[in-house]
Amino acid sequence: MMSNTNHLGRCTIAAAQQVETDAGLFYRFQGVALPKSIKLNHFAYGILEERAKKLNPGRLPGQQVEYQPTLASSEQIGA
């Protein structure tokens, strides 16, 4: 949430996907937003926009989360 839109610089709503879950039908909006103080090359911003068009694989409402550790254990890194 933003208290003031003066903080908002460049923004794009890149995708709106309709998602069906056990909890019902809903829409997921995805996009890119940068604060006004951050300047970014148009080519780099375009890469962010293209990535934002893909469905985010994050958890959807009603889904159970399986824990998957992201850090390698000491046995995996050979310590």
PDB file of N, CA and C in Angstrom:
ATOM      1  N   MET A   1       0.837  -1.171   0.000  1.00  0.00           N
ATOM      2  CA  MET A   1       0.000   0.000   0.000  1.00  0.00           C
ATOM      3  C   MET A   1       0.886   1.241   0.000  1.00  0.00           C
ATOM      4  N   MET A   2       0.415   2.244  -0.703  1.00  0.00           N
ATOM      5  CA  MET A   2       1.139   3.494  -0.805  1.00  0.00           C
ATOM      6  C   MET A   2       0.322   4.619  -0.199  1.00  0.00           C
ATOM      7  N   SER A   3       0.968   5.430   0.584  1.00  0.00           N
ATOM      8  CA  SER A   3       0.252   6.550   1.203  1.00  0.00           C
ATOM      9  C   SER A   3       0.076   7.718   0.234  1.00  0.00           C
ATOM     10  N   ASN A   4       0.945   7.780  -0.786  1.00  0.00           N
ATOM     11  CA  ASN A   4       0.914   8.909  -1.696  1.00  0.00           C
ATOM     12  C   ASN A   4       1.424   8.455  -3.062  1.00  0.00           C
ATOM     13  N   THR A   5       0.700   8.772  -4.123  1.00  0.00           N
ATOM     14  CA  THR A   5       1.132   8.346  -5.459  1.00  0.00           C
ATOM     15  C   THR A   5       2.307   9.156  -5.991  1.00  0.00           C
ATOM     16  N   ASN A   6       2.738  10.183  -5.280  1.00  0.00           N
ATOM     17  CA  ASN A   6       3.924  10.935  -5.693  1.00  0.00           C
ATOM     18  C   ASN A   6       5.181  10.066  -5.639  1.00  0.00           C
ATOM     19  N   HIS A   7       5.131   8.988  -4.891  1.00  0.00           N
ATOM     20  CA  HIS A   7       6.272   8.080  -4.797  1.00  0.00           C
ATOM     21  C   HIS A   7       6.381   7.184  -6.022  1.00  0.00           C
ATOM     22  N   LEU A   8       5.287   7.036  -6.755  1.00  0.00           N
ATOM     23  CA  LEU A   8       5.230   6.112  -7.873  1.00  0.00           C
ATOM     24  C   LEU A   8       5.874   6.715  -9.105  1.00  0.00           C
ATOM     25  N   GLY A   9       6.815   5.988  -9.664  1.00  0.00           N
ATOM     26  CA  GLY A   9       7.456   6.405 -10.905  1.00  0.00           C
ATOM     27  C   GLY A   9       6.820   5.683 -12.068  1.00  0.00           C
ATOM     28  N   ARG A  10       7.584   4.843 -12.689  1.00  0.00           N
ATOM     29  CA  ARG A  10       7.114   4.080 -13.842  1.00  0.00           C
ATOM     30  C   ARG A  10       6.396   2.818 -13.374  1.00  0.00           C
ATOM     31  N   CYS A  11       5.237   2.509 -13.971  1.00  0.00           N
ATOM     32  CA  CYS A  11       4.533   1.290 -13.595  1.00  0.00           C
ATOM     33  C   CYS A  11       3.804   0.708 -14.794  1.00  0.00           C
ATOM     34  N   THR A  12       3.662  -0.613 -14.782  1.00  0.00           N
ATOM     35  CA  THR A  12       2.998  -1.346 -15.856  1.00  0.00           C
ATOM     36  C   THR A  12       2.217  -2.497 -15.257  1.00  0.00           C
ATOM     37  N   ILE A  13       0.957  -2.656 -15.659  1.00  0.00           N
ATOM     38  CA  ILE A  13       0.218  -3.879 -15.345  1.00  0.00           C
ATOM     39  C   ILE A  13       0.417  -4.759 -16.562  1.00  0.00           C
ATOM     40  N   ALA A  14       1.191  -5.826 -16.396  1.00  0.00           N
ATOM     41  CA  ALA A  14       1.621  -6.651 -17.524  1.00  0.00           C
ATOM     42  C   ALA A  14       0.664  -7.789 -17.836  1.00  0.00           C
ATOM     43  N   ALA A  15      -0.072  -8.278 -16.840  1.00  0.00           N
ATOM     44  CA  ALA A  15      -0.941  -9.432 -17.079  1.00  0.00           C
ATOM     45  C   ALA A  15      -2.069  -9.468 -16.060  1.00  0.00           C
ATOM     46  N   ALA A  16      -3.186 -10.012 -16.505  1.00  0.00           N
ATOM     47  CA  ALA A  16      -4.319 -10.294 -15.617  1.00  0.00           C
ATOM     48  C   ALA A  16      -4.775 -11.703 -15.972  1.00  0.00           C
ATOM     49  N   GLN A  17      -4.494 -12.652 -15.083  1.00  0.00           N
ATOM     50  CA  GLN A  17      -4.838 -14.042 -15.344  1.00  0.00           C
ATOM     51  C   GLN A  17      -6.035 -14.460 -14.518  1.00  0.00           C
ATOM     52  N   GLN A  18      -6.938 -15.210 -15.149  1.00  0.00           N
ATOM     53  CA  GLN A  18      -8.079 -15.782 -14.453  1.00  0.00           C
ATOM     54  C   GLN A  18      -7.620 -17.108 -13.873  1.00  0.00           C
ATOM     55  N   VAL A  19      -7.782 -17.280 -12.564  1.00  0.00           N
ATOM     56  CA  VAL A  19      -7.290 -18.473 -11.875  1.00  0.00           C
ATOM     57  C   VAL A  19      -8.445 -19.151 -11.154  1.00  0.00           C
ATOM     58  N   GLU A  20      -8.595 -20.450 -11.379  1.00  0.00           N
ATOM     59  CA  GLU A  20      -9.633 -21.249 -10.716  1.00  0.00           C
ATOM     60  C   GLU A  20      -8.971 -22.046  -9.598  1.00  0.00           C
ATOM     61  N   THR A  21      -9.460 -21.885  -8.375  1.00  0.00           N
ATOM     62  CA  THR A  21      -8.936 -22.627  -7.225  1.00  0.00           C
ATOM     63  C   THR A  21     -10.095 -23.253  -6.467  1.00  0.00           C
ATOM     64  N   ASP A  22      -9.765 -24.012  -5.435  1.00  0.00           N
ATOM     65  CA  ASP A  22     -10.794 -24.577  -4.566  1.00  0.00           C
ATOM     66  C   ASP A  22     -11.597 -23.474  -3.878  1.00  0.00           C
ATOM     67  N   ALA A  23     -10.946 -22.338  -3.661  1.00  0.00           N
ATOM     68  CA  ALA A  23     -11.612 -21.211  -3.009  1.00  0.00           C
ATOM     69  C   ALA A  23     -12.528 -20.455  -3.969  1.00  0.00           C
ATOM     70  N   GLY A  24     -12.432 -20.755  -5.258  1.00  0.00           N
ATOM     71  CA  GLY A  24     -13.282 -20.099  -6.244  1.00  0.00           C
ATOM     72  C   GLY A  24     -12.471 -19.456  -7.351  1.00  0.00           C
ATOM     73  N   LEU A  25     -13.158 -18.718  -8.190  1.00  0.00           N
ATOM     74  CA  LEU A  25     -12.551 -18.041  -9.332  1.00  0.00           C
ATOM     75  C   LEU A  25     -12.077 -16.651  -8.908  1.00  0.00           C
ATOM     76  N   PHE A  26     -10.854 -16.308  -9.302  1.00  0.00           N
ATOM     77  CA  PHE A  26     -10.374 -14.953  -9.051  1.00  0.00           C
ATOM     78  C   PHE A  26      -9.390 -14.556 -10.132  1.00  0.00           C
ATOM     79  N   TYR A  27      -9.006 -13.290 -10.131  1.00  0.00           N
ATOM     80  CA  TYR A  27      -8.052 -12.768 -11.103  1.00  0.00           C
ATOM     81  C   TYR A  27      -6.777 -12.379 -10.379  1.00  0.00           C
ATOM     82  N   ARG A  28      -5.658 -12.713 -10.986  1.00  0.00           N
ATOM     83  CA  ARG A  28      -4.354 -12.323 -10.440  1.00  0.00           C
ATOM     84  C   ARG A  28      -3.760 -11.291 -11.388  1.00  0.00           C
ATOM     85  N   PHE A  29      -3.456 -10.121 -10.851  1.00  0.00           N
ATOM     86  CA  PHE A  29      -2.835  -9.053 -11.626  1.00  0.00           C
ATOM     87  C   PHE A  29      -1.356  -9.032 -11.296  1.00  0.00           C
ATOM     88  N   GLN A  30      -0.545  -8.940 -12.326  1.00  0.00           N
ATOM     89  CA  GLN A  30       0.908  -8.904 -12.140  1.00  0.00           C
ATOM     90  C   GLN A  30       1.469  -7.726 -12.919  1.00  0.00           C
ATOM     91  N   GLY A  31       2.507  -7.142 -12.379  1.00  0.00           N
ATOM     92  CA  GLY A  31       3.101  -6.006 -13.055  1.00  0.00           C
ATOM     93  C   GLY A  31       4.434  -5.615 -12.469  1.00  0.00           C
ATOM     94  N   VAL A  32       4.875  -4.449 -12.880  1.00  0.00           N
ATOM     95  CA  VAL A  32       6.159  -3.902 -12.454  1.00  0.00           C
ATOM     96  C   VAL A  32       5.923  -2.468 -12.019  1.00  0.00           C
ATOM     97  N   ALA A  33       6.543  -2.065 -10.925  1.00  0.00           N
ATOM     98  CA  ALA A  33       6.466  -0.671 -10.487  1.00  0.00           C
ATOM     99  C   ALA A  33       7.798  -0.269  -9.877  1.00  0.00           C
ATOM    100  N   LEU A  34       8.231   0.915 -10.217  1.00  0.00           N
ATOM    101  CA  LEU A  34       9.473   1.455  -9.669  1.00  0.00           C
ATOM    102  C   LEU A  34       9.191   2.765  -8.957  1.00  0.00           C
ATOM    103  N   PRO A  35       9.884   3.012  -7.850  1.00  0.00           N
ATOM    104  CA  PRO A  35       9.756   4.315  -7.197  1.00  0.00           C
ATOM    105  C   PRO A  35      10.287   5.413  -8.121  1.00  0.00           C
ATOM    106  N   LYS A  36       9.795   6.605  -7.930  1.00  0.00           N
ATOM    107  CA  LYS A  36      10.200   7.736  -8.758  1.00  0.00           C
ATOM    108  C   LYS A  36      11.712   7.985  -8.690  1.00  0.00           C
ATOM    109  N   SER A  37      12.330   7.684  -7.564  1.00  0.00           N
ATOM    110  CA  SER A  37      13.752   7.972  -7.381  1.00  0.00           C
ATOM    111  C   SER A  37      14.667   6.993  -8.126  1.00  0.00           C
ATOM    112  N   ILE A  38      14.140   5.882  -8.624  1.00  0.00           N
ATOM    113  CA  ILE A  38      14.971   4.896  -9.339  1.00  0.00           C
ATOM    114  C   ILE A  38      14.806   5.088 -10.838  1.00  0.00           C
ATOM    115  N   LYS A  39      15.900   5.342 -11.504  1.00  0.00           N
ATOM    116  CA  LYS A  39      15.913   5.482 -12.957  1.00  0.00           C
ATOM    117  C   LYS A  39      16.434   4.173 -13.550  1.00  0.00           C
ATOM    118  N   LEU A  40      15.744   3.674 -14.578  1.00  0.00           N
ATOM    119  CA  LEU A  40      16.131   2.410 -15.182  1.00  0.00           C
ATOM    120  C   LEU A  40      16.048   2.538 -16.692  1.00  0.00           C
ATOM    121  N   ASN A  41      17.029   1.991 -17.380  1.00  0.00           N
ATOM    122  CA  ASN A  41      17.094   1.962 -18.821  1.00  0.00           C
ATOM    123  C   ASN A  41      15.835   1.314 -19.394  1.00  0.00           C
ATOM    124  N   HIS A  42      15.322   1.818 -20.517  1.00  0.00           N
ATOM    125  CA  HIS A  42      14.090   1.281 -21.092  1.00  0.00           C
ATOM    126  C   HIS A  42      14.224  -0.178 -21.499  1.00  0.00           C
ATOM    127  N   PHE A  43      15.418  -0.599 -21.923  1.00  0.00           N
ATOM    128  CA  PHE A  43      15.634  -2.000 -22.305  1.00  0.00           C
ATOM    129  C   PHE A  43      15.514  -2.908 -21.076  1.00  0.00           C
ATOM    130  N   ALA A  44      16.147  -2.518 -19.974  1.00  0.00           N
ATOM    131  CA  ALA A  44      16.075  -3.308 -18.736  1.00  0.00           C
ATOM    132  C   ALA A  44      14.648  -3.344 -18.200  1.00  0.00           C
ATOM    133  N   TYR A  45      13.940  -2.225 -18.289  1.00  0.00           N
ATOM    134  CA  TYR A  45      12.548  -2.191 -17.832  1.00  0.00           C
ATOM    135  C   TYR A  45      11.685  -3.110 -18.704  1.00  0.00           C
ATOM    136  N   GLY A  46      11.981  -3.170 -19.994  1.00  0.00           N
ATOM    137  CA  GLY A  46      11.266  -4.060 -20.904  1.00  0.00           C
ATOM    138  C   GLY A  46      11.446  -5.522 -20.527  1.00  0.00           C
ATOM    139  N   ILE A  47      12.640  -5.889 -20.073  1.00  0.00           N
ATOM    140  CA  ILE A  47      12.892  -7.258 -19.612  1.00  0.00           C
ATOM    141  C   ILE A  47      12.030  -7.560 -18.393  1.00  0.00           C
ATOM    142  N   LEU A  48      11.935  -6.611 -17.473  1.00  0.00           N
ATOM    143  CA  LEU A  48      11.083  -6.799 -16.294  1.00  0.00           C
ATOM    144  C   LEU A  48       9.611  -6.942 -16.693  1.00  0.00           C
ATOM    145  N   GLU A  49       9.173  -6.152 -17.674  1.00  0.00           N
ATOM    146  CA  GLU A  49       7.791  -6.245 -18.137  1.00  0.00           C
ATOM    147  C   GLU A  49       7.494  -7.611 -18.749  1.00  0.00           C
ATOM    148  N   GLU A  50       8.414  -8.129 -19.561  1.00  0.00           N
ATOM    149  CA  GLU A  50       8.212  -9.444 -20.182  1.00  0.00           C
ATOM    150  C   GLU A  50       8.141 -10.535 -19.122  1.00  0.00           C
ATOM    151  N   ARG A  51       8.983 -10.438 -18.111  1.00  0.00           N
ATOM    152  CA  ARG A  51       8.975 -11.431 -17.038  1.00  0.00           C
ATOM    153  C   ARG A  51       7.674 -11.354 -16.235  1.00  0.00           C
ATOM    154  N   ALA A  52       7.138 -10.159 -16.074  1.00  0.00           N
ATOM    155  CA  ALA A  52       5.905  -9.978 -15.303  1.00  0.00           C
ATOM    156  C   ALA A  52       4.683 -10.545 -16.024  1.00  0.00           C
ATOM    157  N   LYS A  53       4.783 -10.792 -17.332  1.00  0.00           N
ATOM    158  CA  LYS A  53       3.664 -11.357 -18.091  1.00  0.00           C
ATOM    159  C   LYS A  53       3.451 -12.840 -17.795  1.00  0.00           C
ATOM    160  N   LYS A  54       4.482 -13.522 -17.293  1.00  0.00           N
ATOM    161  CA  LYS A  54       4.378 -14.946 -16.999  1.00  0.00           C
ATOM    162  C   LYS A  54       3.679 -15.155 -15.660  1.00  0.00           C
ATOM    163  N   LEU A  55       2.860 -16.210 -15.580  1.00  0.00           N
ATOM    164  CA  LEU A  55       2.148 -16.492 -14.334  1.00  0.00           C
ATOM    165  C   LEU A  55       3.134 -16.760 -13.210  1.00  0.00           C
ATOM    166  N   ASN A  56       2.979 -16.051 -12.134  1.00  0.00           N
ATOM    167  CA  ASN A  56       3.822 -16.219 -10.959  1.00  0.00           C
ATOM    168  C   ASN A  56       3.544 -17.590 -10.356  1.00  0.00           C
ATOM    169  N   PRO A  57       4.582 -18.411 -10.131  1.00  0.00           N
ATOM    170  CA  PRO A  57       4.359 -19.755  -9.588  1.00  0.00           C
ATOM    171  C   PRO A  57       4.111 -19.775  -8.085  1.00  0.00           C
ATOM    172  N   GLY A  58       3.951 -18.616  -7.477  1.00  0.00           N
ATOM    173  CA  GLY A  58       3.718 -18.544  -6.043  1.00  0.00           C
ATOM    174  C   GLY A  58       2.435 -19.237  -5.627  1.00  0.00           C
ATOM    175  N   ARG A  59       2.294 -19.466  -4.358  1.00  0.00           N
ATOM    176  CA  ARG A  59       1.133 -20.163  -3.797  1.00  0.00           C
ATOM    177  C   ARG A  59      -0.147 -19.414  -4.107  1.00  0.00           C
ATOM    178  N   LEU A  60      -1.157 -20.169  -4.487  1.00  0.00           N
ATOM    179  CA  LEU A  60      -2.484 -19.617  -4.721  1.00  0.00           C
ATOM    180  C   LEU A  60      -3.347 -19.852  -3.487  1.00  0.00           C
ATOM    181  N   PRO A  61      -4.393 -19.057  -3.281  1.00  0.00           N
ATOM    182  CA  PRO A  61      -5.278 -19.276  -2.131  1.00  0.00           C
ATOM    183  C   PRO A  61      -5.853 -20.691  -2.138  1.00  0.00           C
ATOM    184  N   GLY A  62      -5.858 -21.323  -0.986  1.00  0.00           N
ATOM    185  CA  GLY A  62      -6.401 -22.670  -0.854  1.00  0.00           C
ATOM    186  C   GLY A  62      -5.400 -23.778  -1.106  1.00  0.00           C
ATOM    187  N   GLN A  63      -4.198 -23.450  -1.564  1.00  0.00           N
ATOM    188  CA  GLN A  63      -3.174 -24.468  -1.806  1.00  0.00           C
ATOM    189  C   GLN A  63      -2.383 -24.730  -0.539  1.00  0.00           C
ATOM    190  N   GLN A  64      -1.998 -25.983  -0.348  1.00  0.00           N
ATOM    191  CA  GLN A  64      -1.119 -26.336   0.759  1.00  0.00           C
ATOM    192  C   GLN A  64       0.323 -26.086   0.331  1.00  0.00           C
ATOM    193  N   VAL A  65       1.133 -25.608   1.241  1.00  0.00           N
ATOM    194  CA  VAL A  65       2.530 -25.311   0.948  1.00  0.00           C
ATOM    195  C   VAL A  65       3.394 -26.458   1.447  1.00  0.00           C
ATOM    196  N   GLU A  66       4.229 -26.977   0.567  1.00  0.00           N
ATOM    197  CA  GLU A  66       5.209 -27.987   0.967  1.00  0.00           C
ATOM    198  C   GLU A  66       6.520 -27.263   1.226  1.00  0.00           C
ATOM    199  N   TYR A  67       7.102 -27.519   2.374  1.00  0.00           N
ATOM    200  CA  TYR A  67       8.353 -26.855   2.729  1.00  0.00           C
ATOM    201  C   TYR A  67       9.483 -27.425   1.896  1.00  0.00           C
ATOM    202  N   GLN A  68      10.226 -26.554   1.229  1.00  0.00           N
ATOM    203  CA  GLN A  68      11.392 -26.945   0.454  1.00  0.00           C
ATOM    204  C   GLN A  68      12.533 -26.023   0.857  1.00  0.00           C
ATOM    205  N   PRO A  69      13.495 -26.548   1.601  1.00  0.00           N
ATOM    206  CA  PRO A  69      14.596 -25.690   2.039  1.00  0.00           C
ATOM    207  C   PRO A  69      15.372 -25.147   0.839  1.00  0.00           C
ATOM    208  N   THR A  70      15.755 -23.885   0.916  1.00  0.00           N
ATOM    209  CA  THR A  70      16.464 -23.260  -0.196  1.00  0.00           C
ATOM    210  C   THR A  70      17.977 -23.243   0.009  1.00  0.00           C
ATOM    211  N   LEU A  71      18.430 -23.421   1.244  1.00  0.00           N
ATOM    212  CA  LEU A  71      19.859 -23.414   1.511  1.00  0.00           C
ATOM    213  C   LEU A  71      20.394 -24.840   1.470  1.00  0.00           C
ATOM    214  N   ALA A  72      21.581 -24.976   0.919  1.00  0.00           N
ATOM    215  CA  ALA A  72      22.211 -26.294   0.850  1.00  0.00           C
ATOM    216  C   ALA A  72      22.733 -26.677   2.220  1.00  0.00           C
ATOM    217  N   SER A  73      22.611 -27.957   2.546  1.00  0.00           N
ATOM    218  CA  SER A  73      23.154 -28.426   3.815  1.00  0.00           C
ATOM    219  C   SER A  73      24.670 -28.573   3.692  1.00  0.00           C
ATOM    220  N   SER A  74      25.348 -28.717   4.825  1.00  0.00           N
ATOM    221  CA  SER A  74      26.815 -28.831   4.810  1.00  0.00           C
ATOM    222  C   SER A  74      27.258 -30.087   4.074  1.00  0.00           C
ATOM    223  N   GLU A  75      26.430 -31.158   4.070  1.00  0.00           N
ATOM    224  CA  GLU A  75      26.801 -32.374   3.351  1.00  0.00           C
ATOM    225  C   GLU A  75      26.746 -32.151   1.847  1.00  0.00           C
ATOM    226  N   GLN A  76      25.801 -31.338   1.378  1.00  0.00           N
ATOM    227  CA  GLN A  76      25.670 -31.089  -0.041  1.00  0.00           C
ATOM    228  C   GLN A  76      26.798 -30.236  -0.597  1.00  0.00           C
ATOM    229  N   ILE A  77      27.338 -29.326   0.213  1.00  0.00           N
ATOM    230  CA  ILE A  77      28.394 -28.453  -0.277  1.00  0.00           C
ATOM    231  C   ILE A  77      29.779 -28.999   0.039  1.00  0.00           C
ATOM    232  N   GLY A  78      29.849 -30.178   0.640  1.00  0.00           N
ATOM    233  CA  GLY A  78      31.125 -30.837   0.865  1.00  0.00           C
ATOM    234  C   GLY A  78      31.916 -30.332   2.051  1.00  0.00           C
ATOM    235  N   ALA A  79      31.266 -29.788   3.047  1.00  0.00           N
ATOM    236  CA  ALA A  79      31.977 -29.274   4.225  1.00  0.00           C
ATOM    237  C   ALA A  79      32.216 -30.374   5.233  1.00  0.00           C
TER     238      ALA A  79
END
